[in-house]
Amino acid sequence: MAHRRTRTALRAPALLVDADLTKFATGWRATPTSAGLPHVRLHDLRHFYASGLIAAGCDVVTVQRALGHSSATTTLNTYSHLWPTAQDRTRAAASSLMRDAMTSQPRVGSC
């Protein structure tokens, strides 16, 4: 029976690998240790990458494609807790409005 590859390439640009994923994962395990870092799994890097994209304001479809998910539903099921809610955005907007109002100089002589 021919050797079956788990995936020919990871789709995340930061982790692009054109090799057997199992071999890459095996090689990766020694990398953090040799760099004096704590144990970091590939899954941890993938989650960090997704979290960074979301924090930068990327939409669901962009993150889905970057991670190679087959559907946006998969992405949302895994990472929906990281996207700001409407309440979060409203709270941030109100806070910004109040901050600007408190720090702006009063306009003298204008109507």
PDB file of N, CA and C in Angstrom:
ATOM      1  N   MET A   1       0.844  -1.181   0.000  1.00  0.00           N
ATOM      2  CA  MET A   1       0.000   0.000   0.000  1.00  0.00           C
ATOM      3  C   MET A   1       0.891   1.247   0.000  1.00  0.00           C
ATOM      4  N   ALA A   2       0.563   2.197  -0.817  1.00  0.00           N
ATOM      5  CA  ALA A   2       1.369   3.411  -0.951  1.00  0.00           C
ATOM      6  C   ALA A   2       1.250   4.271   0.307  1.00  0.00           C
ATOM      7  N   HIS A   3       2.325   5.008   0.577  1.00  0.00           N
ATOM      8  CA  HIS A   3       2.328   5.917   1.724  1.00  0.00           C
ATOM      9  C   HIS A   3       1.324   7.040   1.469  1.00  0.00           C
ATOM     10  N   ARG A   4       0.461   7.268   2.396  1.00  0.00           N
ATOM     11  CA  ARG A   4      -0.547   8.312   2.253  1.00  0.00           C
ATOM     12  C   ARG A   4      -0.104   9.541   3.042  1.00  0.00           C
ATOM     13  N   ARG A   5      -0.089  10.669   2.390  1.00  0.00           N
ATOM     14  CA  ARG A   5       0.297  11.913   3.050  1.00  0.00           C
ATOM     15  C   ARG A   5      -0.920  12.507   3.743  1.00  0.00           C
ATOM     16  N   THR A   6      -0.713  13.015   4.931  1.00  0.00           N
ATOM     17  CA  THR A   6      -1.832  13.603   5.657  1.00  0.00           C
ATOM     18  C   THR A   6      -2.269  14.917   5.014  1.00  0.00           C
ATOM     19  N   ARG A   7      -1.324  15.651   4.477  1.00  0.00           N
ATOM     20  CA  ARG A   7      -1.612  16.894   3.773  1.00  0.00           C
ATOM     21  C   ARG A   7      -0.330  17.310   3.067  1.00  0.00           C
ATOM     22  N   THR A   8      -0.428  17.783   1.855  1.00  0.00           N
ATOM     23  CA  THR A   8       0.786  18.152   1.131  1.00  0.00           C
ATOM     24  C   THR A   8       1.328  19.496   1.564  1.00  0.00           C
ATOM     25  N   ALA A   9       0.479  20.378   2.029  1.00  0.00           N
ATOM     26  CA  ALA A   9       0.963  21.683   2.480  1.00  0.00           C
ATOM     27  C   ALA A   9      -0.020  22.269   3.476  1.00  0.00           C
ATOM     28  N   LEU A  10       0.506  22.936   4.462  1.00  0.00           N
ATOM     29  CA  LEU A  10      -0.349  23.704   5.354  1.00  0.00           C
ATOM     30  C   LEU A  10      -0.746  24.958   4.598  1.00  0.00           C
ATOM     31  N   ARG A  11      -1.969  25.400   4.759  1.00  0.00           N
ATOM     32  CA  ARG A  11      -2.430  26.546   3.989  1.00  0.00           C
ATOM     33  C   ARG A  11      -2.072  27.877   4.630  1.00  0.00           C
ATOM     34  N   ALA A  12      -1.801  27.896   5.906  1.00  0.00           N
ATOM     35  CA  ALA A  12      -1.459  29.148   6.569  1.00  0.00           C
ATOM     36  C   ALA A  12      -0.115  29.638   6.051  1.00  0.00           C
ATOM     37  N   PRO A  13      -0.062  30.844   5.480  1.00  0.00           N
ATOM     38  CA  PRO A  13       1.180  31.331   4.886  1.00  0.00           C
ATOM     39  C   PRO A  13       2.370  31.318   5.840  1.00  0.00           C
ATOM     40  N   ALA A  14       2.125  31.627   7.125  1.00  0.00           N
ATOM     41  CA  ALA A  14       3.228  31.662   8.078  1.00  0.00           C
ATOM     42  C   ALA A  14       3.790  30.278   8.369  1.00  0.00           C
ATOM     43  N   LEU A  15       3.037  29.246   8.050  1.00  0.00           N
ATOM     44  CA  LEU A  15       3.468  27.887   8.363  1.00  0.00           C
ATOM     45  C   LEU A  15       3.519  27.021   7.107  1.00  0.00           C
ATOM     46  N   LEU A  16       3.829  27.618   5.959  1.00  0.00           N
ATOM     47  CA  LEU A  16       3.811  26.888   4.700  1.00  0.00           C
ATOM     48  C   LEU A  16       4.893  25.816   4.681  1.00  0.00           C
ATOM     49  N   VAL A  17       4.476  24.595   4.456  1.00  0.00           N
ATOM     50  CA  VAL A  17       5.400  23.468   4.442  1.00  0.00           C
ATOM     51  C   VAL A  17       5.010  22.556   3.297  1.00  0.00           C
ATOM     52  N   ASP A  18       5.951  22.270   2.412  1.00  0.00           N
ATOM     53  CA  ASP A  18       5.669  21.358   1.308  1.00  0.00           C
ATOM     54  C   ASP A  18       6.311  20.018   1.645  1.00  0.00           C
ATOM     55  N   ALA A  19       5.736  19.355   2.618  1.00  0.00           N
ATOM     56  CA  ALA A  19       6.280  18.081   3.080  1.00  0.00           C
ATOM     57  C   ALA A  19       5.192  17.319   3.810  1.00  0.00           C
ATOM     58  N   ASP A  20       5.508  16.115   4.152  1.00  0.00           N
ATOM     59  CA  ASP A  20       4.582  15.303   4.926  1.00  0.00           C
ATOM     60  C   ASP A  20       4.393  15.956   6.292  1.00  0.00           C
ATOM     61  N   LEU A  21       3.157  16.234   6.649  1.00  0.00           N
ATOM     62  CA  LEU A  21       2.870  16.935   7.898  1.00  0.00           C
ATOM     63  C   LEU A  21       3.389  16.184   9.115  1.00  0.00           C
ATOM     64  N   THR A  22       3.328  14.877   9.091  1.00  0.00           N
ATOM     65  CA  THR A  22       3.813  14.091  10.225  1.00  0.00           C
ATOM     66  C   THR A  22       5.308  14.302  10.429  1.00  0.00           C
ATOM     67  N   LYS A  23       6.070  14.277   9.347  1.00  0.00           N
ATOM     68  CA  LYS A  23       7.520  14.507   9.454  1.00  0.00           C
ATOM     69  C   LYS A  23       7.805  15.911   9.963  1.00  0.00           C
ATOM     70  N   PHE A  24       7.055  16.879   9.468  1.00  0.00           N
ATOM     71  CA  PHE A  24       7.255  18.251   9.916  1.00  0.00           C
ATOM     72  C   PHE A  24       6.956  18.372  11.403  1.00  0.00           C
ATOM     73  N   ALA A  25       5.848  17.782  11.839  1.00  0.00           N
ATOM     74  CA  ALA A  25       5.466  17.845  13.252  1.00  0.00           C
ATOM     75  C   ALA A  25       6.525  17.206  14.137  1.00  0.00           C
ATOM     76  N   THR A  26       7.085  16.101  13.680  1.00  0.00           N
ATOM     77  CA  THR A  26       8.135  15.428  14.445  1.00  0.00           C
ATOM     78  C   THR A  26       9.354  16.333  14.578  1.00  0.00           C
ATOM     79  N   GLY A  27       9.752  16.956  13.496  1.00  0.00           N
ATOM     80  CA  GLY A  27      10.886  17.880  13.534  1.00  0.00           C
ATOM     81  C   GLY A  27      10.597  19.107  14.374  1.00  0.00           C
ATOM     82  N   TRP A  28       9.356  19.550  14.346  1.00  0.00           N
ATOM     83  CA  TRP A  28       8.985  20.746  15.093  1.00  0.00           C
ATOM     84  C   TRP A  28       9.122  20.550  16.594  1.00  0.00           C
ATOM     85  N   ARG A  29       8.800  19.365  17.091  1.00  0.00           N
ATOM     86  CA  ARG A  29       8.814  19.131  18.541  1.00  0.00           C
ATOM     87  C   ARG A  29      10.138  19.525  19.186  1.00  0.00           C
ATOM     88  N   ALA A  30      11.235  19.345  18.496  1.00  0.00           N
ATOM     89  CA  ALA A  30      12.545  19.671  19.060  1.00  0.00           C
ATOM     90  C   ALA A  30      12.886  21.154  18.915  1.00  0.00           C
ATOM     91  N   THR A  31      12.201  21.865  18.043  1.00  0.00           N
ATOM     92  CA  THR A  31      12.548  23.259  17.750  1.00  0.00           C
ATOM     93  C   THR A  31      12.424  24.188  18.953  1.00  0.00           C
ATOM     94  N   PRO A  32      11.282  24.243  19.651  1.00  0.00           N
ATOM     95  CA  PRO A  32      11.204  25.151  20.800  1.00  0.00           C
ATOM     96  C   PRO A  32      12.231  24.818  21.880  1.00  0.00           C
ATOM     97  N   THR A  33      12.431  23.544  22.124  1.00  0.00           N
ATOM     98  CA  THR A  33      13.394  23.127  23.143  1.00  0.00           C
ATOM     99  C   THR A  33      14.791  23.602  22.777  1.00  0.00           C
ATOM    100  N   SER A  34      15.180  23.414  21.526  1.00  0.00           N
ATOM    101  CA  SER A  34      16.526  23.816  21.107  1.00  0.00           C
ATOM    102  C   SER A  34      16.689  25.335  21.124  1.00  0.00           C
ATOM    103  N   ALA A  35      15.585  26.071  21.049  1.00  0.00           N
ATOM    104  CA  ALA A  35      15.643  27.532  21.100  1.00  0.00           C
ATOM    105  C   ALA A  35      15.488  28.054  22.529  1.00  0.00           C
ATOM    106  N   GLY A  36      15.379  27.129  23.488  1.00  0.00           N
ATOM    107  CA  GLY A  36      15.228  27.530  24.881  1.00  0.00           C
ATOM    108  C   GLY A  36      13.833  28.036  25.219  1.00  0.00           C
ATOM    109  N   LEU A  37      12.852  27.651  24.423  1.00  0.00           N
ATOM    110  CA  LEU A  37      11.472  28.081  24.646  1.00  0.00           C
ATOM    111  C   LEU A  37      10.674  26.970  25.317  1.00  0.00           C
ATOM    112  N   PRO A  38       9.559  27.326  25.942  1.00  0.00           N
ATOM    113  CA  PRO A  38       8.710  26.279  26.514  1.00  0.00           C
ATOM    114  C   PRO A  38       8.093  25.436  25.398  1.00  0.00           C
ATOM    115  N   HIS A  39       7.544  24.302  25.772  1.00  0.00           N
ATOM    116  CA  HIS A  39       6.911  23.404  24.805  1.00  0.00           C
ATOM    117  C   HIS A  39       5.775  24.137  24.082  1.00  0.00           C
ATOM    118  N   VAL A  40       5.839  24.172  22.772  1.00  0.00           N
ATOM    119  CA  VAL A  40       4.808  24.801  21.948  1.00  0.00           C
ATOM    120  C   VAL A  40       4.398  23.809  20.881  1.00  0.00           C
ATOM    121  N   ARG A  41       3.100  23.489  20.844  1.00  0.00           N
ATOM    122  CA  ARG A  41       2.602  22.562  19.825  1.00  0.00           C
ATOM    123  C   ARG A  41       2.274  23.325  18.543  1.00  0.00           C
ATOM    124  N   LEU A  42       2.272  22.608  17.419  1.00  0.00           N
ATOM    125  CA  LEU A  42       1.855  23.229  16.164  1.00  0.00           C
ATOM    126  C   LEU A  42       0.444  23.791  16.297  1.00  0.00           C
ATOM    127  N   HIS A  43      -0.405  23.089  17.014  1.00  0.00           N
ATOM    128  CA  HIS A  43      -1.771  23.560  17.237  1.00  0.00           C
ATOM    129  C   HIS A  43      -1.760  24.916  17.946  1.00  0.00           C
ATOM    130  N   ASP A  44      -0.831  25.102  18.890  1.00  0.00           N
ATOM    131  CA  ASP A  44      -0.719  26.379  19.590  1.00  0.00           C
ATOM    132  C   ASP A  44      -0.363  27.499  18.617  1.00  0.00           C
ATOM    133  N   LEU A  45       0.553  27.222  17.691  1.00  0.00           N
ATOM    134  CA  LEU A  45       0.935  28.222  16.694  1.00  0.00           C
ATOM    135  C   LEU A  45      -0.241  28.553  15.778  1.00  0.00           C
ATOM    136  N   ARG A  46      -0.973  27.534  15.397  1.00  0.00           N
ATOM    137  CA  ARG A  46      -2.140  27.725  14.533  1.00  0.00           C
ATOM    138  C   ARG A  46      -3.187  28.593  15.236  1.00  0.00           C
ATOM    139  N   HIS A  47      -3.429  28.322  16.513  1.00  0.00           N
ATOM    140  CA  HIS A  47      -4.388  29.116  17.280  1.00  0.00           C
ATOM    141  C   HIS A  47      -3.883  30.556  17.441  1.00  0.00           C
ATOM    142  N   PHE A  48      -2.592  30.713  17.683  1.00  0.00           N
ATOM    143  CA  PHE A  48      -1.988  32.042  17.802  1.00  0.00           C
ATOM    144  C   PHE A  48      -2.160  32.817  16.498  1.00  0.00           C
ATOM    145  N   TYR A  49      -1.918  32.146  15.380  1.00  0.00           N
ATOM    146  CA  TYR A  49      -2.056  32.761  14.060  1.00  0.00           C
ATOM    147  C   TYR A  49      -3.499  33.213  13.835  1.00  0.00           C
ATOM    148  N   ALA A  50      -4.453  32.330  14.103  1.00  0.00           N
ATOM    149  CA  ALA A  50      -5.867  32.669  13.926  1.00  0.00           C
ATOM    150  C   ALA A  50      -6.266  33.820  14.846  1.00  0.00           C
ATOM    151  N   SER A  51      -5.831  33.774  16.091  1.00  0.00           N
ATOM    152  CA  SER A  51      -6.152  34.827  17.054  1.00  0.00           C
ATOM    153  C   SER A  51      -5.605  36.172  16.593  1.00  0.00           C
ATOM    154  N   GLY A  52      -4.395  36.159  16.054  1.00  0.00           N
ATOM    155  CA  GLY A  52      -3.789  37.391  15.546  1.00  0.00           C
ATOM    156  C   GLY A  52      -4.558  37.973  14.376  1.00  0.00           C
ATOM    157  N   LEU A  53      -5.003  37.108  13.471  1.00  0.00           N
ATOM    158  CA  LEU A  53      -5.797  37.579  12.332  1.00  0.00           C
ATOM    159  C   LEU A  53      -7.098  38.216  12.808  1.00  0.00           C
ATOM    160  N   ILE A  54      -7.743  37.573  13.768  1.00  0.00           N
ATOM    161  CA  ILE A  54      -9.009  38.088  14.294  1.00  0.00           C
ATOM    162  C   ILE A  54      -8.779  39.408  15.024  1.00  0.00           C
ATOM    163  N   ALA A  55      -7.738  39.487  15.840  1.00  0.00           N
ATOM    164  CA  ALA A  55      -7.427  40.715  16.574  1.00  0.00           C
ATOM    165  C   ALA A  55      -7.111  41.865  15.624  1.00  0.00           C
ATOM    166  N   ALA A  56      -6.566  41.534  14.453  1.00  0.00           N
ATOM    167  CA  ALA A  56      -6.241  42.556  13.456  1.00  0.00           C
ATOM    168  C   ALA A  56      -7.470  42.991  12.663  1.00  0.00           C
ATOM    169  N   GLY A  57      -8.617  42.357  12.928  1.00  0.00           N
ATOM    170  CA  GLY A  57      -9.854  42.759  12.280  1.00  0.00           C
ATOM    171  C   GLY A  57     -10.240  41.966  11.049  1.00  0.00           C
ATOM    172  N   CYS A  58      -9.582  40.844  10.808  1.00  0.00           N
ATOM    173  CA  CYS A  58      -9.926  40.016   9.644  1.00  0.00           C
ATOM    174  C   CYS A  58     -11.311  39.403   9.820  1.00  0.00           C
ATOM    175  N   ASP A  59     -12.024  39.285   8.717  1.00  0.00           N
ATOM    176  CA  ASP A  59     -13.362  38.707   8.759  1.00  0.00           C
ATOM    177  C   ASP A  59     -13.292  37.183   8.761  1.00  0.00           C
ATOM    178  N   VAL A  60     -14.436  36.560   8.964  1.00  0.00           N
ATOM    179  CA  VAL A  60     -14.519  35.101   9.094  1.00  0.00           C
ATOM    180  C   VAL A  60     -13.985  34.386   7.856  1.00  0.00           C
ATOM    181  N   VAL A  61     -14.376  34.837   6.679  1.00  0.00           N
ATOM    182  CA  VAL A  61     -13.963  34.154   5.448  1.00  0.00           C
ATOM    183  C   VAL A  61     -12.454  34.254   5.248  1.00  0.00           C
ATOM    184  N   THR A  62     -11.867  35.392   5.565  1.00  0.00           N
ATOM    185  CA  THR A  62     -10.418  35.548   5.444  1.00  0.00           C
ATOM    186  C   THR A  62      -9.695  34.573   6.363  1.00  0.00           C
ATOM    187  N   VAL A  63     -10.145  34.473   7.609  1.00  0.00           N
ATOM    188  CA  VAL A  63      -9.529  33.551   8.566  1.00  0.00           C
ATOM    189  C   VAL A  63      -9.766  32.107   8.128  1.00  0.00           C
ATOM    190  N   GLN A  64     -10.961  31.807   7.656  1.00  0.00           N
ATOM    191  CA  GLN A  64     -11.275  30.457   7.162  1.00  0.00           C
ATOM    192  C   GLN A  64     -10.291  30.045   6.081  1.00  0.00           C
ATOM    193  N   ARG A  65     -10.087  30.912   5.113  1.00  0.00           N
ATOM    194  CA  ARG A  65      -9.188  30.591   3.996  1.00  0.00           C
ATOM    195  C   ARG A  65      -7.741  30.471   4.459  1.00  0.00           C
ATOM    196  N   ALA A  66      -7.328  31.355   5.362  1.00  0.00           N
ATOM    197  CA  ALA A  66      -5.945  31.307   5.854  1.00  0.00           C
ATOM    198  C   ALA A  66      -5.657  30.009   6.596  1.00  0.00           C
ATOM    199  N   LEU A  67      -6.662  29.488   7.291  1.00  0.00           N
ATOM    200  CA  LEU A  67      -6.478  28.260   8.061  1.00  0.00           C
ATOM    201  C   LEU A  67      -6.783  27.005   7.255  1.00  0.00           C
ATOM    202  N   GLY A  68      -7.386  27.185   6.081  1.00  0.00           N
ATOM    203  CA  GLY A  68      -7.709  26.034   5.252  1.00  0.00           C
ATOM    204  C   GLY A  68      -8.948  25.286   5.695  1.00  0.00           C
ATOM    205  N   HIS A  69      -9.822  25.959   6.451  1.00  0.00           N
ATOM    206  CA  HIS A  69     -11.071  25.320   6.858  1.00  0.00           C
ATOM    207  C   HIS A  69     -11.975  25.156   5.643  1.00  0.00           C
ATOM    208  N   SER A  70     -12.736  24.084   5.624  1.00  0.00           N
ATOM    209  CA  SER A  70     -13.623  23.818   4.494  1.00  0.00           C
ATOM    210  C   SER A  70     -14.838  24.741   4.484  1.00  0.00           C
ATOM    211  N   SER A  71     -15.187  25.303   5.634  1.00  0.00           N
ATOM    212  CA  SER A  71     -16.332  26.216   5.688  1.00  0.00           C
ATOM    213  C   SER A  71     -16.118  27.252   6.788  1.00  0.00           C
ATOM    214  N   ALA A  72     -16.822  28.370   6.648  1.00  0.00           N
ATOM    215  CA  ALA A  72     -16.759  29.406   7.675  1.00  0.00           C
ATOM    216  C   ALA A  72     -17.365  28.906   8.982  1.00  0.00           C
ATOM    217  N   THR A  73     -18.275  27.952   8.895  1.00  0.00           N
ATOM    218  CA  THR A  73     -18.884  27.371  10.096  1.00  0.00           C
ATOM    219  C   THR A  73     -17.829  26.729  10.982  1.00  0.00           C
ATOM    220  N   THR A  74     -16.897  26.014  10.379  1.00  0.00           N
ATOM    221  CA  THR A  74     -15.809  25.395  11.144  1.00  0.00           C
ATOM    222  C   THR A  74     -15.014  26.466  11.878  1.00  0.00           C
ATOM    223  N   THR A  75     -14.698  27.551  11.176  1.00  0.00           N
ATOM    224  CA  THR A  75     -13.939  28.647  11.778  1.00  0.00           C
ATOM    225  C   THR A  75     -14.719  29.273  12.926  1.00  0.00           C
ATOM    226  N   LEU A  76     -15.991  29.539  12.704  1.00  0.00           N
ATOM    227  CA  LEU A  76     -16.817  30.146  13.753  1.00  0.00           C
ATOM    228  C   LEU A  76     -16.998  29.221  14.946  1.00  0.00           C
ATOM    229  N   ASN A  77     -17.159  27.936  14.699  1.00  0.00           N
ATOM    230  CA  ASN A  77     -17.313  26.988  15.808  1.00  0.00           C
ATOM    231  C   ASN A  77     -16.075  26.966  16.694  1.00  0.00           C
ATOM    232  N   THR A  78     -14.924  27.222  16.115  1.00  0.00           N
ATOM    233  CA  THR A  78     -13.670  27.171  16.866  1.00  0.00           C
ATOM    234  C   THR A  78     -13.282  28.518  17.466  1.00  0.00           C
ATOM    235  N   TYR A  79     -13.493  29.605  16.726  1.00  0.00           N
ATOM    236  CA  TYR A  79     -12.935  30.903  17.117  1.00  0.00           C
ATOM    237  C   TYR A  79     -13.957  32.008  17.359  1.00  0.00           C
ATOM    238  N   SER A  80     -15.245  31.706  17.357  1.00  0.00           N
ATOM    239  CA  SER A  80     -16.249  32.777  17.480  1.00  0.00           C
ATOM    240  C   SER A  80     -16.080  33.599  18.756  1.00  0.00           C
ATOM    241  N   HIS A  81     -15.583  32.980  19.809  1.00  0.00           N
ATOM    242  CA  HIS A  81     -15.403  33.707  21.070  1.00  0.00           C
ATOM    243  C   HIS A  81     -14.356  34.814  20.971  1.00  0.00           C
ATOM    244  N   LEU A  82     -13.545  34.811  19.921  1.00  0.00           N
ATOM    245  CA  LEU A  82     -12.496  35.818  19.778  1.00  0.00           C
ATOM    246  C   LEU A  82     -12.950  37.065  19.017  1.00  0.00           C
ATOM    247  N   TRP A  83     -14.023  36.945  18.225  1.00  0.00           N
ATOM    248  CA  TRP A  83     -14.514  38.116  17.501  1.00  0.00           C
ATOM    249  C   TRP A  83     -15.300  38.996  18.449  1.00  0.00           C
ATOM    250  N   PRO A  84     -15.125  40.316  18.335  1.00  0.00           N
ATOM    251  CA  PRO A  84     -15.893  41.197  19.208  1.00  0.00           C
ATOM    252  C   PRO A  84     -17.385  41.126  18.879  1.00  0.00           C
ATOM    253  N   THR A  85     -18.192  41.208  19.916  1.00  0.00           N
ATOM    254  CA  THR A  85     -19.643  41.186  19.730  1.00  0.00           C
ATOM    255  C   THR A  85     -20.126  42.611  19.457  1.00  0.00           C
ATOM    256  N   ALA A  86     -21.385  42.741  19.093  1.00  0.00           N
ATOM    257  CA  ALA A  86     -21.975  44.066  18.886  1.00  0.00           C
ATOM    258  C   ALA A  86     -21.895  44.870  20.184  1.00  0.00           C
ATOM    259  N   GLN A  87     -22.081  44.196  21.322  1.00  0.00           N
ATOM    260  CA  GLN A  87     -21.965  44.876  22.619  1.00  0.00           C
ATOM    261  C   GLN A  87     -20.555  45.402  22.830  1.00  0.00           C
ATOM    262  N   ASP A  88     -19.551  44.591  22.484  1.00  0.00           N
ATOM    263  CA  ASP A  88     -18.158  45.024  22.628  1.00  0.00           C
ATOM    264  C   ASP A  88     -17.893  46.267  21.784  1.00  0.00           C
ATOM    265  N   ARG A  89     -18.378  46.268  20.540  1.00  0.00           N
ATOM    266  CA  ARG A  89     -18.155  47.401  19.640  1.00  0.00           C
ATOM    267  C   ARG A  89     -18.887  48.650  20.141  1.00  0.00           C
ATOM    268  N   THR A  90     -20.099  48.462  20.656  1.00  0.00           N
ATOM    269  CA  THR A  90     -20.869  49.589  21.188  1.00  0.00           C
ATOM    270  C   THR A  90     -20.167  50.183  22.404  1.00  0.00           C
ATOM    271  N   ARG A  91     -19.695  49.312  23.286  1.00  0.00           N
ATOM    272  CA  ARG A  91     -18.979  49.755  24.483  1.00  0.00           C
ATOM    273  C   ARG A  91     -17.720  50.538  24.098  1.00  0.00           C
ATOM    274  N   ALA A  92     -16.971  50.034  23.128  1.00  0.00           N
ATOM    275  CA  ALA A  92     -15.742  50.699  22.684  1.00  0.00           C
ATOM    276  C   ALA A  92     -16.054  52.050  22.043  1.00  0.00           C
ATOM    277  N   ALA A  93     -17.118  52.108  21.240  1.00  0.00           N
ATOM    278  CA  ALA A  93     -17.496  53.364  20.589  1.00  0.00           C
ATOM    279  C   ALA A  93     -17.916  54.406  21.625  1.00  0.00           C
ATOM    280  N   ALA A  94     -18.710  53.993  22.615  1.00  0.00           N
ATOM    281  CA  ALA A  94     -19.150  54.913  23.664  1.00  0.00           C
ATOM    282  C   ALA A  94     -17.960  55.410  24.476  1.00  0.00           C
ATOM    283  N   SER A  95     -17.045  54.520  24.775  1.00  0.00           N
ATOM    284  CA  SER A  95     -15.846  54.890  25.526  1.00  0.00           C
ATOM    285  C   SER A  95     -15.011  55.901  24.748  1.00  0.00           C
ATOM    286  N   SER A  96     -14.846  55.656  23.469  1.00  0.00           N
ATOM    287  CA  SER A  96     -14.076  56.561  22.619  1.00  0.00           C
ATOM    288  C   SER A  96     -14.752  57.929  22.524  1.00  0.00           C
ATOM    289  N   LEU A  97     -16.065  57.933  22.376  1.00  0.00           N
ATOM    290  CA  LEU A  97     -16.827  59.174  22.298  1.00  0.00           C
ATOM    291  C   LEU A  97     -16.649  59.992  23.571  1.00  0.00           C
ATOM    292  N   MET A  98     -16.768  59.349  24.720  1.00  0.00           N
ATOM    293  CA  MET A  98     -16.611  60.045  26.002  1.00  0.00           C
ATOM    294  C   MET A  98     -15.186  60.543  26.199  1.00  0.00           C
ATOM    295  N   ARG A  99     -14.218  59.738  25.827  1.00  0.00           N
ATOM    296  CA  ARG A  99     -12.817  60.135  25.955  1.00  0.00           C
ATOM    297  C   ARG A  99     -12.550  61.377  25.105  1.00  0.00           C
ATOM    298  N   ASP A 100     -13.050  61.369  23.863  1.00  0.00           N
ATOM    299  CA  ASP A 100     -12.856  62.519  22.979  1.00  0.00           C
ATOM    300  C   ASP A 100     -13.551  63.761  23.533  1.00  0.00           C
ATOM    301  N   ALA A 101     -14.751  63.591  24.081  1.00  0.00           N
ATOM    302  CA  ALA A 101     -15.498  64.719  24.639  1.00  0.00           C
ATOM    303  C   ALA A 101     -14.786  65.302  25.855  1.00  0.00           C
ATOM    304  N   MET A 102     -14.182  64.459  26.659  1.00  0.00           N
ATOM    305  CA  MET A 102     -13.507  64.913  27.880  1.00  0.00           C
ATOM    306  C   MET A 102     -12.178  65.599  27.582  1.00  0.00           C
ATOM    307  N   THR A 103     -11.543  65.260  26.487  1.00  0.00           N
ATOM    308  CA  THR A 103     -10.215  65.811  26.204  1.00  0.00           C
ATOM    309  C   THR A 103     -10.230  66.926  25.169  1.00  0.00           C
ATOM    310  N   SER A 104     -11.361  67.175  24.527  1.00  0.00           N
ATOM    311  CA  SER A 104     -11.392  68.222  23.498  1.00  0.00           C
ATOM    312  C   SER A 104     -11.492  69.594  24.154  1.00  0.00           C
ATOM    313  N   GLN A 105     -10.939  70.586  23.483  1.00  0.00           N
ATOM    314  CA  GLN A 105     -10.967  71.965  23.964  1.00  0.00           C
ATOM    315  C   GLN A 105     -12.313  72.589  23.603  1.00  0.00           C
ATOM    316  N   PRO A 106     -12.902  73.346  24.534  1.00  0.00           N
ATOM    317  CA  PRO A 106     -14.161  74.019  24.194  1.00  0.00           C
ATOM    318  C   PRO A 106     -13.927  75.040  23.084  1.00  0.00           C
ATOM    319  N   ARG A 107     -14.872  75.150  22.190  1.00  0.00           N
ATOM    320  CA  ARG A 107     -14.760  76.106  21.085  1.00  0.00           C
ATOM    321  C   ARG A 107     -15.317  77.453  21.547  1.00  0.00           C
ATOM    322  N   VAL A 108     -14.487  78.441  21.509  1.00  0.00           N
ATOM    323  CA  VAL A 108     -14.897  79.774  21.945  1.00  0.00           C
ATOM    324  C   VAL A 108     -15.388  80.552  20.730  1.00  0.00           C
ATOM    325  N   GLY A 109     -16.554  81.148  20.861  1.00  0.00           N
ATOM    326  CA  GLY A 109     -17.082  82.009  19.811  1.00  0.00           C
ATOM    327  C   GLY A 109     -17.669  81.283  18.620  1.00  0.00           C
ATOM    328  N   SER A 110     -17.908  79.988  18.721  1.00  0.00           N
ATOM    329  CA  SER A 110     -18.528  79.295  17.591  1.00  0.00           C
ATOM    330  C   SER A 110     -19.915  78.828  17.989  1.00  0.00           C
ATOM    331  N   CYS A 111     -20.793  78.750  17.032  1.00  0.00           N
ATOM    332  CA  CYS A 111     -22.161  78.312  17.300  1.00  0.00           C
ATOM    333  C   CYS A 111     -22.368  76.896  16.870  1.00  0.00           C
TER     334      CYS A 111
END
